C-alpha atoms as a PDB file:
ATOM      1  CA  MET A   1      43.443  79.300  37.190  1.00  0.00           C
ATOM      2  CA  ALA A   2      45.003  76.038  35.473  1.00  0.00           C
ATOM      3  CA  ARG A   3      48.523  75.631  33.971  1.00  0.00           C
ATOM      4  CA  LYS A   4      48.424  74.391  30.109  1.00  0.00           C
ATOM      5  CA  PRO A   5      50.060  71.870  29.996  1.00  0.00           C
ATOM      6  CA  THR A   6      53.628  71.990  27.929  1.00  0.00           C
ATOM      7  CA  ALA A   7      55.851  69.648  25.632  1.00  0.00           C
ATOM      8  CA  ARG A   8      57.700  67.110  27.071  1.00  0.00           C
ATOM      9  CA  MET A   9      60.913  66.314  25.444  1.00  0.00           C
ATOM     10  CA  GLU A  10      62.455  63.047  25.992  1.00  0.00           C
ATOM     11  CA  PHE A  11      66.849  63.314  25.996  1.00  0.00           C
ATOM     12  CA  VAL A  12      68.678  60.030  25.364  1.00  0.00           C
ATOM     13  CA  MET A  13      72.180  60.580  27.281  1.00  0.00           C
ATOM     14  CA  PHE A  14      75.565  59.650  25.861  1.00  0.00           C
ATOM     15  CA  ASP A  15      79.380  59.354  27.183  1.00  0.00           C
ATOM     16  CA  VAL A  16      81.408  60.804  24.551  1.00  0.00           C
ATOM     17  CA  ILE A  17      85.646  60.238  24.348  1.00  0.00           C
ATOM     18  CA  TYR A  18      87.557  62.646  22.079  1.00  0.00           C
ATOM     19  CA  GLU A  19      90.793  61.962  20.418  1.00  0.00           C
ATOM     20  CA  ASP A  20      92.682  63.524  23.490  1.00  0.00           C
ATOM     21  CA  GLY A  21      91.284  60.671  25.650  1.00  0.00           C
ATOM     22  CA  SER A  22      89.374  63.098  27.419  1.00  0.00           C
ATOM     23  CA  GLN A  23      85.426  61.880  28.204  1.00  0.00           C
ATOM     24  CA  ARG A  24      82.119  64.053  28.975  1.00  0.00           C
ATOM     25  CA  SER A  25      79.424  62.183  30.330  1.00  0.00           C
ATOM     26  CA  ASN A  26      75.565  62.412  30.515  1.00  0.00           C
ATOM     27  CA  ARG A  27      75.511  64.540  27.126  1.00  0.00           C
ATOM     28  CA  LYS A  28      71.690  65.276  26.072  1.00  0.00           C
ATOM     29  CA  VAL A  29      70.455  64.008  22.962  1.00  0.00           C
ATOM     30  CA  ASP A  30      66.734  64.809  21.796  1.00  0.00           C
ATOM     31  CA  ALA A  31      65.053  61.253  21.475  1.00  0.00           C
ATOM     32  CA  SER A  32      63.275  61.954  18.155  1.00  0.00           C
ATOM     33  CA  LEU A  33      66.880  62.499  16.499  1.00  0.00           C
ATOM     34  CA  LEU A  34      67.359  58.811  17.473  1.00  0.00           C
ATOM     35  CA  GLY A  35      66.243  55.650  16.032  1.00  0.00           C
ATOM     36  CA  GLY A  36      65.119  54.370  12.406  1.00  0.00           C
ATOM     37  CA  LEU A  37      67.868  53.390   9.976  1.00  0.00           C
ATOM     38  CA  ASP A  38      70.417  55.305  11.275  1.00  0.00           C
ATOM     39  CA  GLY A  39      70.042  54.528  15.069  1.00  0.00           C
ATOM     40  CA  ASP A  40      72.441  56.491  16.827  1.00  0.00           C
ATOM     41  CA  GLU A  41      74.242  58.017  14.569  1.00  0.00           C
ATOM     42  CA  PRO A  42      72.534  61.450  14.232  1.00  0.00           C
ATOM     43  CA  ALA A  43      73.814  61.797  17.912  1.00  0.00           C
ATOM     44  CA  ARG A  44      77.396  62.319  16.846  1.00  0.00           C
ATOM     45  CA  THR A  45      76.399  65.211  14.236  1.00  0.00           C
ATOM     46  CA  ALA A  46      73.648  66.425  17.619  1.00  0.00           C
ATOM     47  CA  ILE A  47      77.097  66.547  19.711  1.00  0.00           C
ATOM     48  CA  MET A  48      79.340  68.234  17.103  1.00  0.00           C
ATOM     49  CA  GLU A  49      76.863  71.093  17.109  1.00  0.00           C
ATOM     50  CA  GLN A  50      76.474  71.175  20.793  1.00  0.00           C
ATOM     51  CA  ASP A  51      80.588  71.236  20.784  1.00  0.00           C
ATOM     52  CA  ARG A  52      80.819  74.048  18.011  1.00  0.00           C
ATOM     53  CA  ALA A  53      78.350  76.226  19.857  1.00  0.00           C
ATOM     54  CA  ILE A  54      80.267  76.031  22.763  1.00  0.00           C
ATOM     55  CA  SER A  55      83.746  76.563  21.370  1.00  0.00           C
ATOM     56  CA  GLU A  56      82.452  79.812  19.591  1.00  0.00           C
ATOM     57  CA  LYS A  57      81.328  80.662  22.714  1.00  0.00           C
ATOM     58  CA  SER A  58      85.062  79.883  25.059  1.00  0.00           C
ATOM     59  CA  GLY A  59      87.508  80.873  21.824  1.00  0.00           C
ATOM     60  CA  ILE A  60      88.619  77.157  22.172  1.00  0.00           C
ATOM     61  CA  PRO A  61      88.640  74.716  19.304  1.00  0.00           C
ATOM     62  CA  PRO A  62      86.462  71.361  19.537  1.00  0.00           C
ATOM     63  CA  LEU A  63      88.041  68.289  19.805  1.00  0.00           C
ATOM     64  CA  ALA A  64      87.374  65.502  17.612  1.00  0.00           C
ATOM     65  CA  ILE A  65      84.850  62.779  18.720  1.00  0.00           C
ATOM     66  CA  LYS A  66      86.479  59.343  19.028  1.00  0.00           C
ATOM     67  CA  SER A  67      83.357  57.199  20.130  1.00  0.00           C
ATOM     68  CA  ILE A  68      79.827  57.810  21.817  1.00  0.00           C
ATOM     69  CA  THR A  69      77.843  55.568  23.737  1.00  0.00           C
ATOM     70  CA  ARG A  70      74.624  55.581  25.473  1.00  0.00           C
ATOM     71  CA  SER A  71      75.311  56.476  29.231  1.00  0.00           C
ATOM     72  CA  GLU A  72      73.896  53.648  31.532  1.00  0.00           C
ATOM     73  CA  LYS A  73      71.075  54.806  33.483  1.00  0.00           C
END
């Protein structure tokens, strides 16, 4: 029996630098959020939401984001 094709999500990877100087590389953001007039700015919001979810699970407050850039391939 053939499998049904699944919807494929495309992601864009970002490097995030936080106010304390730490860096997290290759953070995934759904590509459908990006582009248009806002460019990559919606990625900041998506990464902040990811950080909030992580902080809720770990009990450690999220860090403030200093900058976000697309990761090199």
